[in-house]
């Protein structure tokens, strides 16, 4: 059972202005398709052709290497990665190696920080606070602001990661929050520079009743509240512009079938 937003404590929204953001709940989507949609959206936002957007999704097993990551931070060989169906991508966000996979809620805000009048540090801290507030809503005492390490933490265990890229005043990438993630996946990488597995999840902290759909809803609400946004569903014409051949193939189950662009 989660608490209402009034229990979030001192990390209440502090933005004085109210913005609007278009939200696309993509479901389970191949990583490269989410990146294509995000990058197209960033171009549109930088040109002021569209407003801010929030892509909400989950991914099949994927390792992403940020600017400070090296291939050796992934401990699996190419053969092992192929055998397990795990994709590896070098990406231009900050940070090191991050895991994405079933049971994890991912938010990619494509936001003009100039229009929002938010600096990079405050933006990153706000993304951390989004996960902290979500954890607290479920009764898990998380925190951010760990010296030398971004993200949201429960004690000395990391429940959520943050990594962004800011170009032309627009932020892309975002956060990944572990709800019912297979934590053994983190044994296969040097996650965010830590040699040992320091990952945790909502399910690990609460038990098996942690629900991805429910937690994702709370996470999105926490993001909207923290940055003082009002949300509307992304219009079909914009979805078509971002991924013109995107189709749903199956539903989100414990097997997490992948949705990807057809063709």
Protein backbone atom coordinates (compact mmCIF):
# COMPACT_ATOMS: atom_id res chain seq x y z
CA UNK A 1 0.00 0.00 0.00
CA UNK A 2 1.34 3.40 -0.92
CA UNK A 3 0.70 6.68 0.84
CA UNK A 4 -0.69 9.86 -0.62
CA UNK A 5 1.60 12.55 -1.95
CA UNK A 6 1.18 14.54 1.26
CA UNK A 7 3.49 12.03 2.94
CA UNK A 8 6.41 12.83 0.67
CA UNK A 9 7.92 15.17 3.25
CA UNK A 10 10.15 18.14 2.49
CA UNK A 11 10.73 17.35 -1.18
CA UNK A 12 7.52 19.05 -2.28
CA UNK A 13 7.36 20.85 -5.64
CA UNK A 14 9.16 24.18 -5.53
CA UNK A 15 8.64 25.37 -9.13
CA UNK A 16 6.49 28.51 -9.18
CA UNK A 17 5.44 28.23 -12.82
CA UNK A 18 3.16 25.54 -14.24
CA UNK A 19 4.17 23.84 -17.50
CA UNK A 20 2.47 21.32 -19.72
CA UNK A 21 4.02 18.05 -20.84
CA UNK A 22 2.86 15.42 -23.34
CA UNK A 23 3.09 11.89 -21.93
CA UNK A 24 3.51 8.77 -24.06
CA UNK A 25 3.14 5.50 -22.15
CA UNK A 26 4.95 3.26 -24.59
CA UNK A 27 4.82 -0.03 -22.68
CA UNK A 28 7.69 -2.46 -23.20
CA UNK A 29 9.76 -1.17 -26.10
CA UNK A 30 13.08 -2.08 -27.68
CA UNK A 31 15.80 0.24 -26.46
CA UNK A 32 16.81 1.45 -29.92
CA UNK A 33 13.20 2.39 -30.73
CA UNK A 34 12.85 4.43 -27.54
CA UNK A 35 16.12 6.20 -28.38
CA UNK A 36 14.92 6.99 -31.90
CA UNK A 37 11.70 8.51 -30.54
CA UNK A 38 13.60 10.45 -27.87
CA UNK A 39 16.15 11.85 -30.31
CA UNK A 40 13.47 12.95 -32.79
CA UNK A 41 11.54 14.58 -29.96
CA UNK A 42 14.67 16.42 -28.81
CA UNK A 43 15.14 17.92 -32.28
CA UNK A 44 11.53 19.10 -32.34
CA UNK A 45 11.79 20.53 -28.84
CA UNK A 46 15.04 22.37 -29.50
CA UNK A 47 13.42 24.01 -32.55
CA UNK A 48 10.33 24.93 -30.47
CA UNK A 49 8.22 22.91 -32.90
CA UNK A 50 6.80 20.91 -29.97
CA UNK A 51 6.57 21.31 -26.22
CA UNK A 52 8.06 19.16 -23.48
CA UNK A 53 7.44 15.41 -23.59
CA UNK A 54 7.75 12.42 -21.27
CA UNK A 55 8.33 8.93 -22.64
CA UNK A 56 7.37 6.22 -20.15
CA UNK A 57 8.48 2.68 -20.88
CA UNK A 58 10.28 -0.51 -19.90
CA UNK A 59 12.95 -2.37 -21.89
CA UNK A 60 14.07 -5.93 -22.52
CA UNK A 61 17.48 -6.71 -20.96
CA UNK A 62 19.90 -3.98 -22.04
CA UNK A 63 23.21 -2.55 -20.84
CA UNK A 64 23.98 1.08 -21.67
CA UNK A 65 27.44 2.61 -21.42
CA UNK A 66 27.60 6.31 -20.60
CA UNK A 67 30.44 8.72 -21.29
CA UNK A 68 32.59 7.42 -18.42
CA UNK A 69 31.97 3.72 -19.08
CA UNK A 70 34.26 1.19 -20.70
CA UNK A 71 33.36 -2.10 -22.37
CA UNK A 72 35.14 -4.02 -19.61
CA UNK A 73 32.56 -2.70 -17.17
CA UNK A 74 30.27 -5.33 -18.73
CA UNK A 75 31.59 -8.65 -17.46
CA UNK A 76 29.86 -10.85 -20.06
CA UNK A 77 31.51 -11.85 -23.32
CA UNK A 78 29.93 -11.12 -26.69
CA UNK A 79 28.89 -14.79 -26.89
CA UNK A 80 27.26 -14.66 -23.45
CA UNK A 81 25.44 -11.44 -24.28
CA UNK A 82 24.10 -12.96 -27.49
CA UNK A 83 23.05 -16.14 -25.71
CA UNK A 84 21.07 -14.15 -23.15
CA UNK A 85 19.63 -11.75 -25.71
CA UNK A 86 21.15 -8.70 -23.99
CA UNK A 87 21.83 -5.58 -26.03
CA UNK A 88 24.76 -3.26 -25.28
CA UNK A 89 24.70 0.38 -26.38
CA UNK A 90 27.20 3.20 -26.08
CA UNK A 91 25.19 6.34 -25.33
CA UNK A 92 26.05 10.05 -24.96
CA UNK A 93 24.50 10.52 -21.52
CA UNK A 94 26.54 11.14 -18.41
CA UNK A 95 27.50 8.34 -16.06
CA UNK A 96 28.81 4.83 -16.45
CA UNK A 97 27.07 1.47 -17.02
CA UNK A 98 23.35 1.08 -16.37
CA UNK A 99 21.08 -1.95 -16.67
CA UNK A 100 17.57 -1.80 -18.12
CA UNK A 101 15.24 -4.77 -18.05
CA UNK A 102 11.87 -6.24 -17.12
CA UNK A 103 10.41 -4.94 -13.88
CA UNK A 104 12.05 -1.53 -14.22
CA UNK A 105 10.19 1.74 -14.86
CA UNK A 106 12.00 4.15 -17.18
CA UNK A 107 11.22 7.83 -17.72
CA UNK A 108 12.76 9.79 -20.59
CA UNK A 109 11.80 13.46 -20.14
CA UNK A 110 12.56 15.54 -23.24
CA UNK A 111 12.47 18.96 -21.61
CA UNK A 112 13.69 22.45 -22.42
CA UNK A 113 15.58 23.39 -19.28
CA UNK A 114 15.79 26.94 -20.59
CA UNK A 115 12.01 27.21 -20.77
CA UNK A 116 11.64 25.48 -17.41
CA UNK A 117 14.30 27.83 -16.01
CA UNK A 118 16.11 25.00 -14.28
CA UNK A 119 19.87 24.44 -14.19
CA UNK A 120 21.50 21.08 -14.81
CA UNK A 121 22.24 20.33 -11.17
CA UNK A 122 18.76 21.17 -9.98
CA UNK A 123 17.29 19.09 -12.80
CA UNK A 124 19.33 16.01 -11.88
CA UNK A 125 18.51 16.44 -8.20
CA UNK A 126 14.83 16.73 -9.13
CA UNK A 127 14.99 13.42 -11.00
CA UNK A 128 16.57 11.86 -7.91
CA UNK A 129 13.80 13.36 -5.78
CA UNK A 130 11.19 11.87 -8.11
CA UNK A 131 12.44 8.38 -7.24
CA UNK A 132 12.91 9.24 -3.56
CA UNK A 133 9.33 10.48 -3.34
CA UNK A 134 8.05 7.39 -5.15
CA UNK A 135 9.89 5.11 -2.74
CA UNK A 136 8.55 7.00 0.26
CA UNK A 137 5.04 6.74 -1.14
CA UNK A 138 5.41 2.97 -0.73
CA UNK A 139 6.95 3.28 2.73
CA UNK A 140 10.57 2.80 1.63
CA UNK A 141 12.97 5.35 3.15
CA UNK A 142 15.10 6.36 0.16
CA UNK A 143 17.43 9.30 -0.24
CA UNK A 144 19.54 11.06 -2.84
CA UNK A 145 22.48 13.48 -2.74
CA UNK A 146 25.11 10.76 -2.21
CA UNK A 147 28.58 12.31 -2.62
CA UNK A 148 30.14 11.09 -5.85
CA UNK A 149 27.11 9.02 -6.85
CA UNK A 150 23.84 10.09 -8.43
CA UNK A 151 20.50 8.28 -8.17
CA UNK A 152 18.19 7.20 -5.38
CA UNK A 153 19.44 5.02 -2.55
CA UNK A 154 18.03 2.86 0.24
CA UNK A 155 20.82 2.72 2.78
CA UNK A 156 23.88 1.79 0.69
CA UNK A 157 21.81 0.12 -2.04
CA UNK A 158 20.77 1.88 -5.25
CA UNK A 159 17.10 1.68 -6.21
CA UNK A 160 17.19 4.08 -9.14
CA UNK A 161 19.66 5.56 -11.61
CA UNK A 162 19.84 8.99 -13.24
CA UNK A 163 21.72 9.91 -16.41
CA UNK A 164 21.04 12.83 -18.73
CA UNK A 165 22.37 14.59 -21.79
CA UNK A 166 21.80 18.32 -22.24
CA UNK A 167 22.18 19.75 -25.74
CA UNK A 168 20.85 23.07 -27.07
CA UNK A 169 19.17 23.57 -23.72
CA UNK A 170 17.14 20.34 -24.01
CA UNK A 171 17.59 17.41 -21.63
CA UNK A 172 17.24 13.82 -22.82
CA UNK A 173 17.64 10.38 -21.24
CA UNK A 174 16.44 10.43 -17.62
CA UNK A 175 15.87 7.86 -14.89
CA UNK A 176 15.43 4.13 -14.35
CA UNK A 177 13.65 2.91 -11.21
CA UNK A 178 13.85 -0.71 -10.03
CA UNK A 179 10.42 -2.05 -9.14
CA UNK A 180 10.57 -5.82 -9.58
CA UNK A 181 13.87 -6.03 -11.44
CA UNK A 182 16.00 -9.17 -11.56
CA UNK A 183 18.83 -7.86 -9.40
CA UNK A 184 21.16 -10.69 -10.42
CA UNK A 185 21.59 -8.83 -13.71
CA UNK A 186 23.76 -6.32 -11.86
CA UNK A 187 26.25 -9.08 -11.07
CA UNK A 188 27.23 -8.94 -14.74
CA UNK A 189 28.48 -5.36 -14.74
CA UNK A 190 30.39 -2.77 -12.80
CA UNK A 191 27.27 -0.68 -12.23
CA UNK A 192 27.93 3.05 -11.97
CA UNK A 193 31.54 2.37 -11.01
CA UNK A 194 30.83 -0.03 -8.12
CA UNK A 195 32.65 -3.35 -8.33
CA UNK A 196 30.07 -5.10 -6.13
CA UNK A 197 26.33 -5.38 -6.75
CA UNK A 198 24.80 -2.42 -4.90
CA UNK A 199 21.34 -2.62 -6.52
CA UNK A 200 18.01 -2.98 -4.77
CA UNK A 201 14.39 -2.76 -5.89
CA UNK A 202 10.98 -1.93 -4.51
CA UNK A 203 10.12 -5.64 -4.47
CA UNK A 204 13.33 -6.45 -2.60
CA UNK A 205 12.48 -3.85 0.03
CA UNK A 206 8.74 -4.58 0.27
CA UNK A 207 8.26 -8.15 -0.86
CA UNK A 208 6.79 -9.73 -4.00
CA UNK A 209 3.65 -7.58 -4.05
CA UNK A 210 5.40 -4.63 -5.72
CA UNK A 211 3.48 -3.94 -8.92
CA UNK A 212 5.21 -2.37 -11.93
CA UNK A 213 2.10 -0.67 -13.31
CA UNK A 214 1.17 0.85 -9.96
CA UNK A 215 4.72 1.96 -9.20
CA UNK A 216 5.09 3.48 -12.68
CA UNK A 217 1.93 5.51 -12.14
CA UNK A 218 3.26 6.81 -8.84
CA UNK A 219 6.63 7.56 -10.43
CA UNK A 220 5.01 9.60 -13.22
CA UNK A 221 2.83 11.46 -10.71
CA UNK A 222 5.88 12.21 -8.57
CA UNK A 223 7.70 13.61 -11.61
CA UNK A 224 4.74 15.78 -12.60
CA UNK A 225 4.27 17.07 -9.07
CA UNK A 226 7.93 17.73 -8.44
CA UNK A 227 8.43 19.74 -11.61
CA UNK A 228 4.98 21.29 -11.33
CA UNK A 229 3.73 19.97 -14.66
CA UNK A 230 0.23 19.30 -15.89
CA UNK A 231 0.08 16.33 -18.24
CA UNK A 232 -1.82 15.42 -21.35
CA UNK A 233 -1.64 12.26 -23.42
CA UNK A 234 0.66 12.65 -26.39
CA UNK A 235 -1.32 13.23 -29.56
CA UNK A 236 -1.40 10.41 -32.13
CA UNK A 237 0.00 12.71 -34.84
CA UNK A 238 3.14 13.34 -32.67
CA UNK A 239 3.55 9.64 -31.89
CA UNK A 240 3.39 8.94 -35.61
CA UNK A 241 6.01 11.61 -36.23
CA UNK A 242 8.36 10.06 -33.66
CA UNK A 243 7.86 6.40 -34.59
CA UNK A 244 5.69 6.15 -37.70
CA UNK A 245 5.66 2.34 -37.78
CA UNK A 246 5.46 1.68 -34.06
CA UNK A 247 3.03 -1.14 -33.24
CA UNK A 248 2.11 -3.04 -30.10
CA UNK A 249 2.91 -6.75 -30.25
CA UNK A 250 1.49 -8.35 -27.15
CA UNK A 251 0.81 -7.08 -23.68
CA UNK A 252 3.02 -6.38 -20.69
CA UNK A 253 3.24 -9.64 -18.74
CA UNK A 254 5.82 -11.30 -16.54
CA UNK A 255 7.50 -12.36 -19.82
CA UNK A 256 7.75 -8.74 -21.02
CA UNK A 257 7.24 -9.23 -24.78
CA UNK A 258 9.04 -6.51 -26.69
CA UNK A 259 7.23 -3.81 -28.59
CA UNK A 260 9.31 -2.38 -31.39
CA UNK A 261 9.00 -0.52 -34.65
CA UNK A 262 7.89 -2.86 -37.38
CA UNK A 263 9.82 -3.27 -40.60
